[in-house]
Amino acid sequence: MKLTIWHNPKCSKSREALEILNEKGVDAEVVKYLETTPTKEEIKEVLAKLNISARELMRTKEDVYKELGLKDVSDEEKLIEAMVQNPKLIERPVVITDNKAVIGRPPEKILEIL
C-alpha cells in the first residue's frame, strides 16, 4: 500500500503521526506541504478521499484565515484556492492512500487506514 503524509515538522501532532507510521514499519512518502504545496487538483482529490468539505480541511484559527475573511466564504473553489495560496491553512497531518485519507487529529486516528 502506497502511503503519503502531508507533514509539518514543526507540528507536534504531525511528528507524532509520523512516529506512529515508523513504529508500524510503514514506509510513507513524506510531503512537507508548506514547502511543496499541493495543487488544487491534489487538494480536491484528498477532500474526496476524506469525504469532507474544503472548510473541514482548514485550520480556522490561523491568522491568515481571519485576515482573508474566509469564514464568510462559502464557495468551495475559493476555499481550495486559499489553501493553495496559503498552505498553512491546511489541517495537518493528512495521511493518504490510493483510495482513502484521514486527518491525524488525534495522531492515533491514522491507525484507521493502516
PDB file of N, CA and C in Angstrom:
ATOM      1  N   MET A   1       0.851  -1.192   0.000  1.00  0.00           N
ATOM      2  CA  MET A   1       0.000   0.000   0.000  1.00  0.00           C
ATOM      3  C   MET A   1       0.885   1.239   0.000  1.00  0.00           C
ATOM      4  N   LYS A   2       0.640   2.102  -0.985  1.00  0.00           N
ATOM      5  CA  LYS A   2       1.375   3.365  -1.057  1.00  0.00           C
ATOM      6  C   LYS A   2       0.713   4.354  -0.100  1.00  0.00           C
ATOM      7  N   LEU A   3       1.529   4.988   0.717  1.00  0.00           N
ATOM      8  CA  LEU A   3       1.003   5.905   1.718  1.00  0.00           C
ATOM      9  C   LEU A   3       1.782   7.208   1.683  1.00  0.00           C
ATOM     10  N   THR A   4       1.060   8.319   1.751  1.00  0.00           N
ATOM     11  CA  THR A   4       1.671   9.649   1.763  1.00  0.00           C
ATOM     12  C   THR A   4       1.192  10.382   3.003  1.00  0.00           C
ATOM     13  N   ILE A   5       2.075  11.185   3.588  1.00  0.00           N
ATOM     14  CA  ILE A   5       1.670  12.031   4.708  1.00  0.00           C
ATOM     15  C   ILE A   5       2.019  13.481   4.380  1.00  0.00           C
ATOM     16  N   TRP A   6       1.003  14.358   4.497  1.00  0.00           N
ATOM     17  CA  TRP A   6       1.254  15.796   4.396  1.00  0.00           C
ATOM     18  C   TRP A   6       1.718  16.205   5.781  1.00  0.00           C
ATOM     19  N   HIS A   7       2.976  16.598   5.878  1.00  0.00           N
ATOM     20  CA  HIS A   7       3.659  16.739   7.158  1.00  0.00           C
ATOM     21  C   HIS A   7       4.215  18.137   7.362  1.00  0.00           C
ATOM     22  N   ASN A   8       4.094  18.613   8.603  1.00  0.00           N
ATOM     23  CA  ASN A   8       4.750  19.851   9.019  1.00  0.00           C
ATOM     24  C   ASN A   8       5.643  19.485  10.196  1.00  0.00           C
ATOM     25  N   PRO A   9       6.976  19.472   9.990  1.00  0.00           N
ATOM     26  CA  PRO A   9       7.902  19.054  11.047  1.00  0.00           C
ATOM     27  C   PRO A   9       7.802  19.900  12.320  1.00  0.00           C
ATOM     28  N   LYS A  10       7.263  21.109  12.227  1.00  0.00           N
ATOM     29  CA  LYS A  10       7.153  21.968  13.410  1.00  0.00           C
ATOM     30  C   LYS A  10       5.928  21.630  14.258  1.00  0.00           C
ATOM     31  N   CYS A  11       5.049  20.789  13.740  1.00  0.00           N
ATOM     32  CA  CYS A  11       3.798  20.457  14.427  1.00  0.00           C
ATOM     33  C   CYS A  11       3.952  19.155  15.211  1.00  0.00           C
ATOM     34  N   SER A  12       3.667  19.203  16.507  1.00  0.00           N
ATOM     35  CA  SER A  12       3.830  18.008  17.344  1.00  0.00           C
ATOM     36  C   SER A  12       2.894  16.883  16.908  1.00  0.00           C
ATOM     37  N   LYS A  13       1.668  17.207  16.518  1.00  0.00           N
ATOM     38  CA  LYS A  13       0.717  16.165  16.081  1.00  0.00           C
ATOM     39  C   LYS A  13       1.223  15.488  14.803  1.00  0.00           C
ATOM     40  N   SER A  14       1.798  16.296  13.933  1.00  0.00           N
ATOM     41  CA  SER A  14       2.329  15.771  12.681  1.00  0.00           C
ATOM     42  C   SER A  14       3.526  14.848  12.966  1.00  0.00           C
ATOM     43  N   ARG A  15       4.394  15.274  13.882  1.00  0.00           N
ATOM     44  CA  ARG A  15       5.544  14.432  14.249  1.00  0.00           C
ATOM     45  C   ARG A  15       5.089  13.130  14.913  1.00  0.00           C
ATOM     46  N   GLU A  16       4.060  13.214  15.762  1.00  0.00           N
ATOM     47  CA  GLU A  16       3.534  12.012  16.416  1.00  0.00           C
ATOM     48  C   GLU A  16       2.971  11.038  15.385  1.00  0.00           C
ATOM     49  N   ALA A  17       2.254  11.562  14.401  1.00  0.00           N
ATOM     50  CA  ALA A  17       1.680  10.710  13.353  1.00  0.00           C
ATOM     51  C   ALA A  17       2.786  10.010  12.572  1.00  0.00           C
ATOM     52  N   LEU A  18       3.840  10.732  12.254  1.00  0.00           N
ATOM     53  CA  LEU A  18       4.965  10.153  11.523  1.00  0.00           C
ATOM     54  C   LEU A  18       5.637   9.067  12.368  1.00  0.00           C
ATOM     55  N   GLU A  19       5.727   9.315  13.660  1.00  0.00           N
ATOM     56  CA  GLU A  19       6.304   8.333  14.579  1.00  0.00           C
ATOM     57  C   GLU A  19       5.467   7.049  14.592  1.00  0.00           C
ATOM     58  N   ILE A  20       4.143   7.197  14.610  1.00  0.00           N
ATOM     59  CA  ILE A  20       3.247   6.031  14.580  1.00  0.00           C
ATOM     60  C   ILE A  20       3.504   5.222  13.308  1.00  0.00           C
ATOM     61  N   LEU A  21       3.612   5.921  12.168  1.00  0.00           N
ATOM     62  CA  LEU A  21       3.873   5.225  10.900  1.00  0.00           C
ATOM     63  C   LEU A  21       5.197   4.476  10.969  1.00  0.00           C
ATOM     64  N   ASN A  22       6.225   5.135  11.509  1.00  0.00           N
ATOM     65  CA  ASN A  22       7.539   4.488  11.630  1.00  0.00           C
ATOM     66  C   ASN A  22       7.476   3.273  12.546  1.00  0.00           C
ATOM     67  N   GLU A  23       6.769   3.394  13.678  1.00  0.00           N
ATOM     68  CA  GLU A  23       6.632   2.275  14.620  1.00  0.00           C
ATOM     69  C   GLU A  23       5.943   1.088  13.972  1.00  0.00           C
ATOM     70  N   LYS A  24       4.986   1.379  13.074  1.00  0.00           N
ATOM     71  CA  LYS A  24       4.243   0.313  12.393  1.00  0.00           C
ATOM     72  C   LYS A  24       5.017  -0.210  11.178  1.00  0.00           C
ATOM     73  N   GLY A  25       6.195   0.344  10.939  1.00  0.00           N
ATOM     74  CA  GLY A  25       7.014  -0.101   9.816  1.00  0.00           C
ATOM     75  C   GLY A  25       6.471   0.343   8.463  1.00  0.00           C
ATOM     76  N   VAL A  26       5.688   1.395   8.467  1.00  0.00           N
ATOM     77  CA  VAL A  26       5.100   1.897   7.216  1.00  0.00           C
ATOM     78  C   VAL A  26       6.084   2.865   6.567  1.00  0.00           C
ATOM     79  N   ASP A  27       6.407   2.576   5.314  1.00  0.00           N
ATOM     80  CA  ASP A  27       7.303   3.445   4.568  1.00  0.00           C
ATOM     81  C   ASP A  27       6.453   4.461   3.814  1.00  0.00           C
ATOM     82  N   ALA A  28       6.267   5.620   4.428  1.00  0.00           N
ATOM     83  CA  ALA A  28       5.397   6.636   3.833  1.00  0.00           C
ATOM     84  C   ALA A  28       6.216   7.682   3.099  1.00  0.00           C
ATOM     85  N   GLU A  29       5.638   8.188   2.025  1.00  0.00           N
ATOM     86  CA  GLU A  29       6.236   9.335   1.335  1.00  0.00           C
ATOM     87  C   GLU A  29       5.869  10.564   2.166  1.00  0.00           C
ATOM     88  N   VAL A  30       6.879  11.293   2.619  1.00  0.00           N
ATOM     89  CA  VAL A  30       6.649  12.473   3.444  1.00  0.00           C
ATOM     90  C   VAL A  30       6.666  13.709   2.560  1.00  0.00           C
ATOM     91  N   VAL A  31       5.537  14.419   2.532  1.00  0.00           N
ATOM     92  CA  VAL A  31       5.431  15.655   1.761  1.00  0.00           C
ATOM     93  C   VAL A  31       5.359  16.807   2.749  1.00  0.00           C
ATOM     94  N   LYS A  32       6.401  17.622   2.752  1.00  0.00           N
ATOM     95  CA  LYS A  32       6.387  18.816   3.596  1.00  0.00           C
ATOM     96  C   LYS A  32       5.576  19.860   2.840  1.00  0.00           C
ATOM     97  N   TYR A  33       4.271  19.836   3.104  1.00  0.00           N
ATOM     98  CA  TYR A  33       3.331  20.589   2.272  1.00  0.00           C
ATOM     99  C   TYR A  33       3.498  22.105   2.356  1.00  0.00           C
ATOM    100  N   LEU A  34       4.215  22.606   3.357  1.00  0.00           N
ATOM    101  CA  LEU A  34       4.462  24.050   3.399  1.00  0.00           C
ATOM    102  C   LEU A  34       5.531  24.436   2.376  1.00  0.00           C
ATOM    103  N   GLU A  35       6.399  23.458   2.030  1.00  0.00           N
ATOM    104  CA  GLU A  35       7.446  23.696   1.025  1.00  0.00           C
ATOM    105  C   GLU A  35       6.978  23.264  -0.359  1.00  0.00           C
ATOM    106  N   THR A  36       6.281  22.125  -0.422  1.00  0.00           N
ATOM    107  CA  THR A  36       5.759  21.586  -1.675  1.00  0.00           C
ATOM    108  C   THR A  36       4.247  21.638  -1.586  1.00  0.00           C
ATOM    109  N   THR A  37       3.684  22.785  -1.941  1.00  0.00           N
ATOM    110  CA  THR A  37       2.250  22.997  -1.776  1.00  0.00           C
ATOM    111  C   THR A  37       1.448  22.083  -2.696  1.00  0.00           C
ATOM    112  N   PRO A  38       0.433  21.420  -2.147  1.00  0.00           N
ATOM    113  CA  PRO A  38      -0.434  20.593  -3.008  1.00  0.00           C
ATOM    114  C   PRO A  38      -1.156  21.481  -4.030  1.00  0.00           C
ATOM    115  N   THR A  39      -1.403  20.919  -5.194  1.00  0.00           N
ATOM    116  CA  THR A  39      -2.138  21.635  -6.237  1.00  0.00           C
ATOM    117  C   THR A  39      -3.630  21.627  -5.892  1.00  0.00           C
ATOM    118  N   LYS A  40      -4.375  22.435  -6.616  1.00  0.00           N
ATOM    119  CA  LYS A  40      -5.831  22.470  -6.452  1.00  0.00           C
ATOM    120  C   LYS A  40      -6.407  21.061  -6.672  1.00  0.00           C
ATOM    121  N   GLU A  41      -5.892  20.365  -7.692  1.00  0.00           N
ATOM    122  CA  GLU A  41      -6.379  19.019  -8.008  1.00  0.00           C
ATOM    123  C   GLU A  41      -6.068  18.047  -6.870  1.00  0.00           C
ATOM    124  N   GLU A  42      -4.847  18.145  -6.316  1.00  0.00           N
ATOM    125  CA  GLU A  42      -4.471  17.249  -5.212  1.00  0.00           C
ATOM    126  C   GLU A  42      -5.352  17.491  -3.983  1.00  0.00           C
ATOM    127  N   ILE A  43      -5.631  18.753  -3.703  1.00  0.00           N
ATOM    128  CA  ILE A  43      -6.496  19.064  -2.554  1.00  0.00           C
ATOM    129  C   ILE A  43      -7.901  18.509  -2.797  1.00  0.00           C
ATOM    130  N   LYS A  44      -8.415  18.686  -4.017  1.00  0.00           N
ATOM    131  CA  LYS A  44      -9.755  18.162  -4.340  1.00  0.00           C
ATOM    132  C   LYS A  44      -9.787  16.634  -4.195  1.00  0.00           C
ATOM    133  N   GLU A  45      -8.723  15.978  -4.642  1.00  0.00           N
ATOM    134  CA  GLU A  45      -8.624  14.520  -4.543  1.00  0.00           C
ATOM    135  C   GLU A  45      -8.652  14.079  -3.077  1.00  0.00           C
ATOM    136  N   VAL A  46      -7.892  14.781  -2.235  1.00  0.00           N
ATOM    137  CA  VAL A  46      -7.837  14.449  -0.814  1.00  0.00           C
ATOM    138  C   VAL A  46      -9.183  14.727  -0.146  1.00  0.00           C
ATOM    139  N   LEU A  47      -9.826  15.828  -0.513  1.00  0.00           N
ATOM    140  CA  LEU A  47     -11.152  16.123   0.038  1.00  0.00           C
ATOM    141  C   LEU A  47     -12.137  15.003  -0.294  1.00  0.00           C
ATOM    142  N   ALA A  48     -12.060  14.491  -1.528  1.00  0.00           N
ATOM    143  CA  ALA A  48     -12.946  13.395  -1.938  1.00  0.00           C
ATOM    144  C   ALA A  48     -12.643  12.135  -1.118  1.00  0.00           C
ATOM    145  N   LYS A  49     -11.357  11.856  -0.893  1.00  0.00           N
ATOM    146  CA  LYS A  49     -10.967  10.677  -0.111  1.00  0.00           C
ATOM    147  C   LYS A  49     -11.373  10.826   1.361  1.00  0.00           C
ATOM    148  N   LEU A  50     -11.320  12.065   1.858  1.00  0.00           N
ATOM    149  CA  LEU A  50     -11.729  12.331   3.236  1.00  0.00           C
ATOM    150  C   LEU A  50     -13.254  12.406   3.362  1.00  0.00           C
ATOM    151  N   ASN A  51     -13.920  12.698   2.221  1.00  0.00           N
ATOM    152  CA  ASN A  51     -15.365  12.883   2.179  1.00  0.00           C
ATOM    153  C   ASN A  51     -15.798  14.043   3.085  1.00  0.00           C
ATOM    154  N   ILE A  52     -15.076  15.175   2.952  1.00  0.00           N
ATOM    155  CA  ILE A  52     -15.382  16.368   3.738  1.00  0.00           C
ATOM    156  C   ILE A  52     -15.368  17.598   2.832  1.00  0.00           C
ATOM    157  N   SER A  53     -15.840  18.702   3.365  1.00  0.00           N
ATOM    158  CA  SER A  53     -15.817  19.965   2.621  1.00  0.00           C
ATOM    159  C   SER A  53     -14.441  20.618   2.779  1.00  0.00           C
ATOM    160  N   ALA A  54     -14.170  21.587   1.931  1.00  0.00           N
ATOM    161  CA  ALA A  54     -12.889  22.295   1.985  1.00  0.00           C
ATOM    162  C   ALA A  54     -12.680  22.938   3.356  1.00  0.00           C
ATOM    163  N   ARG A  55     -13.728  23.532   3.916  1.00  0.00           N
ATOM    164  CA  ARG A  55     -13.586  24.199   5.209  1.00  0.00           C
ATOM    165  C   ARG A  55     -13.157  23.218   6.300  1.00  0.00           C
ATOM    166  N   GLU A  56     -13.621  21.978   6.210  1.00  0.00           N
ATOM    167  CA  GLU A  56     -13.272  20.974   7.224  1.00  0.00           C
ATOM    168  C   GLU A  56     -11.793  20.574   7.173  1.00  0.00           C
ATOM    169  N   LEU A  57     -11.121  20.918   6.085  1.00  0.00           N
ATOM    170  CA  LEU A  57      -9.682  20.643   5.957  1.00  0.00           C
ATOM    171  C   LEU A  57      -8.860  21.864   6.364  1.00  0.00           C
ATOM    172  N   MET A  58      -9.549  22.934   6.740  1.00  0.00           N
ATOM    173  CA  MET A  58      -8.846  24.192   7.023  1.00  0.00           C
ATOM    174  C   MET A  58      -8.584  24.402   8.508  1.00  0.00           C
ATOM    175  N   ARG A  59      -7.457  25.058   8.766  1.00  0.00           N
ATOM    176  CA  ARG A  59      -7.105  25.481  10.118  1.00  0.00           C
ATOM    177  C   ARG A  59      -7.746  26.857  10.328  1.00  0.00           C
ATOM    178  N   THR A  60      -8.929  26.856  10.911  1.00  0.00           N
ATOM    179  CA  THR A  60      -9.715  28.082  11.007  1.00  0.00           C
ATOM    180  C   THR A  60      -9.199  29.045  12.077  1.00  0.00           C
ATOM    181  N   LYS A  61      -8.236  28.611  12.870  1.00  0.00           N
ATOM    182  CA  LYS A  61      -7.692  29.508  13.893  1.00  0.00           C
ATOM    183  C   LYS A  61      -6.438  30.257  13.429  1.00  0.00           C
ATOM    184  N   GLU A  62      -5.975  29.936  12.220  1.00  0.00           N
ATOM    185  CA  GLU A  62      -4.801  30.631  11.680  1.00  0.00           C
ATOM    186  C   GLU A  62      -5.150  32.096  11.418  1.00  0.00           C
ATOM    187  N   ASP A  63      -4.189  32.987  11.672  1.00  0.00           N
ATOM    188  CA  ASP A  63      -4.397  34.424  11.433  1.00  0.00           C
ATOM    189  C   ASP A  63      -4.812  34.692   9.992  1.00  0.00           C
ATOM    190  N   VAL A  64      -4.173  33.988   9.053  1.00  0.00           N
ATOM    191  CA  VAL A  64      -4.446  34.235   7.632  1.00  0.00           C
ATOM    192  C   VAL A  64      -5.908  33.901   7.297  1.00  0.00           C
ATOM    193  N   TYR A  65      -6.501  32.947   8.018  1.00  0.00           N
ATOM    194  CA  TYR A  65      -7.921  32.604   7.817  1.00  0.00           C
ATOM    195  C   TYR A  65      -8.784  33.824   8.124  1.00  0.00           C
ATOM    196  N   LYS A  66      -8.461  34.477   9.249  1.00  0.00           N
ATOM    197  CA  LYS A  66      -9.215  35.673   9.654  1.00  0.00           C
ATOM    198  C   LYS A  66      -8.908  36.847   8.715  1.00  0.00           C
ATOM    199  N   GLU A  67      -7.615  37.013   8.378  1.00  0.00           N
ATOM    200  CA  GLU A  67      -7.198  38.119   7.508  1.00  0.00           C
ATOM    201  C   GLU A  67      -7.903  38.067   6.149  1.00  0.00           C
ATOM    202  N   LEU A  68      -8.074  36.866   5.623  1.00  0.00           N
ATOM    203  CA  LEU A  68      -8.699  36.709   4.306  1.00  0.00           C
ATOM    204  C   LEU A  68     -10.225  36.687   4.393  1.00  0.00           C
ATOM    205  N   GLY A  69     -10.769  36.754   5.608  1.00  0.00           N
ATOM    206  CA  GLY A  69     -12.225  36.747   5.779  1.00  0.00           C
ATOM    207  C   GLY A  69     -12.871  35.468   5.293  1.00  0.00           C
ATOM    208  N   LEU A  70     -12.194  34.327   5.472  1.00  0.00           N
ATOM    209  CA  LEU A  70     -12.672  33.072   4.890  1.00  0.00           C
ATOM    210  C   LEU A  70     -13.918  32.512   5.567  1.00  0.00           C
ATOM    211  N   LYS A  71     -14.212  32.946   6.781  1.00  0.00           N
ATOM    212  CA  LYS A  71     -15.409  32.395   7.431  1.00  0.00           C
ATOM    213  C   LYS A  71     -16.680  32.826   6.693  1.00  0.00           C
ATOM    214  N   ASP A  72     -16.580  33.888   5.904  1.00  0.00           N
ATOM    215  CA  ASP A  72     -17.730  34.367   5.150  1.00  0.00           C
ATOM    216  C   ASP A  72     -17.772  33.810   3.726  1.00  0.00           C
ATOM    217  N   VAL A  73     -16.803  32.976   3.376  1.00  0.00           N
ATOM    218  CA  VAL A  73     -16.732  32.418   2.022  1.00  0.00           C
ATOM    219  C   VAL A  73     -17.377  31.036   2.011  1.00  0.00           C
ATOM    220  N   SER A  74     -18.331  30.843   1.101  1.00  0.00           N
ATOM    221  CA  SER A  74     -18.972  29.526   1.028  1.00  0.00           C
ATOM    222  C   SER A  74     -18.591  28.774  -0.255  1.00  0.00           C
ATOM    223  N   ASP A  75     -17.906  29.444  -1.174  1.00  0.00           N
ATOM    224  CA  ASP A  75     -17.506  28.852  -2.450  1.00  0.00           C
ATOM    225  C   ASP A  75     -16.316  27.896  -2.233  1.00  0.00           C
ATOM    226  N   GLU A  76     -16.565  26.600  -2.476  1.00  0.00           N
ATOM    227  CA  GLU A  76     -15.525  25.576  -2.282  1.00  0.00           C
ATOM    228  C   GLU A  76     -14.258  25.897  -3.083  1.00  0.00           C
ATOM    229  N   GLU A  77     -14.453  26.334  -4.338  1.00  0.00           N
ATOM    230  CA  GLU A  77     -13.301  26.655  -5.193  1.00  0.00           C
ATOM    231  C   GLU A  77     -12.429  27.735  -4.554  1.00  0.00           C
ATOM    232  N   LYS A  78     -13.056  28.758  -3.994  1.00  0.00           N
ATOM    233  CA  LYS A  78     -12.307  29.861  -3.374  1.00  0.00           C
ATOM    234  C   LYS A  78     -11.573  29.373  -2.122  1.00  0.00           C
ATOM    235  N   LEU A  79     -12.208  28.499  -1.353  1.00  0.00           N
ATOM    236  CA  LEU A  79     -11.563  27.960  -0.155  1.00  0.00           C
ATOM    237  C   LEU A  79     -10.358  27.100  -0.539  1.00  0.00           C
ATOM    238  N   ILE A  80     -10.517  26.288  -1.579  1.00  0.00           N
ATOM    239  CA  ILE A  80      -9.408  25.442  -2.056  1.00  0.00           C
ATOM    240  C   ILE A  80      -8.276  26.332  -2.571  1.00  0.00           C
ATOM    241  N   GLU A  81      -8.628  27.344  -3.331  1.00  0.00           N
ATOM    242  CA  GLU A  81      -7.624  28.278  -3.854  1.00  0.00           C
ATOM    243  C   GLU A  81      -6.872  28.951  -2.709  1.00  0.00           C
ATOM    244  N   ALA A  82      -7.583  29.296  -1.633  1.00  0.00           N
ATOM    245  CA  ALA A  82      -6.939  29.918  -0.466  1.00  0.00           C
ATOM    246  C   ALA A  82      -5.914  28.959   0.155  1.00  0.00           C
ATOM    247  N   MET A  83      -6.225  27.653   0.164  1.00  0.00           N
ATOM    248  CA  MET A  83      -5.280  26.665   0.713  1.00  0.00           C
ATOM    249  C   MET A  83      -4.056  26.519  -0.180  1.00  0.00           C
ATOM    250  N   VAL A  84      -4.266  26.598  -1.504  1.00  0.00           N
ATOM    251  CA  VAL A  84      -3.133  26.525  -2.432  1.00  0.00           C
ATOM    252  C   VAL A  84      -2.219  27.738  -2.222  1.00  0.00           C
ATOM    253  N   GLN A  85      -2.832  28.911  -2.083  1.00  0.00           N
ATOM    254  CA  GLN A  85      -2.062  30.148  -1.909  1.00  0.00           C
ATOM    255  C   GLN A  85      -1.430  30.254  -0.520  1.00  0.00           C
ATOM    256  N   ASN A  86      -2.075  29.647   0.486  1.00  0.00           N
ATOM    257  CA  ASN A  86      -1.628  29.738   1.885  1.00  0.00           C
ATOM    258  C   ASN A  86      -1.662  28.343   2.507  1.00  0.00           C
ATOM    259  N   PRO A  87      -0.672  27.503   2.197  1.00  0.00           N
ATOM    260  CA  PRO A  87      -0.731  26.113   2.647  1.00  0.00           C
ATOM    261  C   PRO A  87      -0.798  25.940   4.167  1.00  0.00           C
ATOM    262  N   LYS A  88      -0.416  26.965   4.932  1.00  0.00           N
ATOM    263  CA  LYS A  88      -0.519  26.818   6.387  1.00  0.00           C
ATOM    264  C   LYS A  88      -1.978  26.699   6.828  1.00  0.00           C
ATOM    265  N   LEU A  89      -2.925  26.985   5.921  1.00  0.00           N
ATOM    266  CA  LEU A  89      -4.348  26.811   6.214  1.00  0.00           C
ATOM    267  C   LEU A  89      -4.768  25.340   6.217  1.00  0.00           C
ATOM    268  N   ILE A  90      -3.937  24.474   5.641  1.00  0.00           N
ATOM    269  CA  ILE A  90      -4.300  23.056   5.532  1.00  0.00           C
ATOM    270  C   ILE A  90      -4.063  22.371   6.878  1.00  0.00           C
ATOM    271  N   GLU A  91      -5.114  21.684   7.352  1.00  0.00           N
ATOM    272  CA  GLU A  91      -5.004  20.928   8.592  1.00  0.00           C
ATOM    273  C   GLU A  91      -3.929  19.862   8.429  1.00  0.00           C
ATOM    274  N   ARG A  92      -3.296  19.519   9.512  1.00  0.00           N
ATOM    275  CA  ARG A  92      -2.212  18.538   9.451  1.00  0.00           C
ATOM    276  C   ARG A  92      -2.267  17.626  10.653  1.00  0.00           C
ATOM    277  N   PRO A  93      -1.667  16.487  10.533  1.00  0.00           N
ATOM    278  CA  PRO A  93      -1.183  15.837   9.309  1.00  0.00           C
ATOM    279  C   PRO A  93      -2.336  15.167   8.568  1.00  0.00           C
ATOM    280  N   VAL A  94      -2.136  14.956   7.278  1.00  0.00           N
ATOM    281  CA  VAL A  94      -3.103  14.194   6.489  1.00  0.00           C
ATOM    282  C   VAL A  94      -2.359  12.982   5.948  1.00  0.00           C
ATOM    283  N   VAL A  95      -2.914  11.801   6.205  1.00  0.00           N
ATOM    284  CA  VAL A  95      -2.328  10.563   5.690  1.00  0.00           C
ATOM    285  C   VAL A  95      -3.234  10.075   4.568  1.00  0.00           C
ATOM    286  N   ILE A  96      -2.601   9.756   3.426  1.00  0.00           N
ATOM    287  CA  ILE A  96      -3.351   9.479   2.198  1.00  0.00           C
ATOM    288  C   ILE A  96      -2.908   8.141   1.600  1.00  0.00           C
ATOM    289  N   THR A  97      -3.894   7.327   1.214  1.00  0.00           N
ATOM    290  CA  THR A  97      -3.612   6.101   0.461  1.00  0.00           C
ATOM    291  C   THR A  97      -4.263   6.267  -0.914  1.00  0.00           C
ATOM    292  N   ASP A  98      -4.240   5.195  -1.714  1.00  0.00           N
ATOM    293  CA  ASP A  98      -4.817   5.264  -3.056  1.00  0.00           C
ATOM    294  C   ASP A  98      -6.299   5.618  -3.041  1.00  0.00           C
ATOM    295  N   ASN A  99      -7.030   5.125  -2.038  1.00  0.00           N
ATOM    296  CA  ASN A  99      -8.480   5.332  -2.079  1.00  0.00           C
ATOM    297  C   ASN A  99      -9.072   5.942  -0.812  1.00  0.00           C
ATOM    298  N   LYS A 100      -8.215   6.330   0.129  1.00  0.00           N
ATOM    299  CA  LYS A 100      -8.711   6.846   1.392  1.00  0.00           C
ATOM    300  C   LYS A 100      -7.728   7.848   1.982  1.00  0.00           C
ATOM    301  N   ALA A 101      -8.227   8.705   2.863  1.00  0.00           N
ATOM    302  CA  ALA A 101      -7.347   9.644   3.567  1.00  0.00           C
ATOM    303  C   ALA A 101      -7.923   9.868   4.958  1.00  0.00           C
ATOM    304  N   VAL A 102      -7.065  10.322   5.875  1.00  0.00           N
ATOM    305  CA  VAL A 102      -7.510  10.619   7.227  1.00  0.00           C
ATOM    306  C   VAL A 102      -6.674  11.775   7.775  1.00  0.00           C
ATOM    307  N   ILE A 103      -7.339  12.652   8.527  1.00  0.00           N
ATOM    308  CA  ILE A 103      -6.624  13.735   9.209  1.00  0.00           C
ATOM    309  C   ILE A 103      -6.189  13.175  10.557  1.00  0.00           C
ATOM    310  N   GLY A 104      -4.903  13.287  10.855  1.00  0.00           N
ATOM    311  CA  GLY A 104      -4.346  12.714  12.077  1.00  0.00           C
ATOM    312  C   GLY A 104      -4.549  13.576  13.308  1.00  0.00           C
ATOM    313  N   ARG A 105      -5.777  13.862  13.638  1.00  0.00           N
ATOM    314  CA  ARG A 105      -6.114  14.610  14.860  1.00  0.00           C
ATOM    315  C   ARG A 105      -7.189  13.844  15.587  1.00  0.00           C
ATOM    316  N   PRO A 106      -6.878  13.179  16.663  1.00  0.00           N
ATOM    317  CA  PRO A 106      -5.544  12.987  17.224  1.00  0.00           C
ATOM    318  C   PRO A 106      -4.705  12.072  16.330  1.00  0.00           C
ATOM    319  N   PRO A 107      -3.373  12.052  16.530  1.00  0.00           N
ATOM    320  CA  PRO A 107      -2.490  11.265  15.662  1.00  0.00           C
ATOM    321  C   PRO A 107      -2.887   9.783  15.543  1.00  0.00           C
ATOM    322  N   GLU A 108      -3.454   9.206  16.603  1.00  0.00           N
ATOM    323  CA  GLU A 108      -3.858   7.791  16.579  1.00  0.00           C
ATOM    324  C   GLU A 108      -4.920   7.510  15.524  1.00  0.00           C
ATOM    325  N   LYS A 109      -5.593   8.551  15.084  1.00  0.00           N
ATOM    326  CA  LYS A 109      -6.653   8.389  14.074  1.00  0.00           C
ATOM    327  C   LYS A 109      -6.092   7.802  12.778  1.00  0.00           C
ATOM    328  N   ILE A 110      -4.806   7.992  12.528  1.00  0.00           N
ATOM    329  CA  ILE A 110      -4.242   7.451  11.284  1.00  0.00           C
ATOM    330  C   ILE A 110      -4.222   5.925  11.274  1.00  0.00           C
ATOM    331  N   LEU A 111      -4.352   5.301  12.431  1.00  0.00           N
ATOM    332  CA  LEU A 111      -4.382   3.838  12.502  1.00  0.00           C
ATOM    333  C   LEU A 111      -5.574   3.291  11.721  1.00  0.00           C
ATOM    334  N   GLU A 112      -6.617   4.110  11.543  1.00  0.00           N
ATOM    335  CA  GLU A 112      -7.811   3.685  10.814  1.00  0.00           C
ATOM    336  C   GLU A 112      -7.503   3.230   9.390  1.00  0.00           C
ATOM    337  N   ILE A 113      -6.468   3.798   8.767  1.00  0.00           N
ATOM    338  CA  ILE A 113      -6.222   3.410   7.371  1.00  0.00           C
ATOM    339  C   ILE A 113      -5.011   2.505   7.195  1.00  0.00           C
ATOM    340  N   LEU A 114      -4.411   2.103   8.292  1.00  0.00           N
ATOM    341  CA  LEU A 114      -3.251   1.204   8.174  1.00  0.00           C
ATOM    342  C   LEU A 114      -3.699  -0.244   8.046  1.00  0.00           C
TER     343      LEU A 114
END
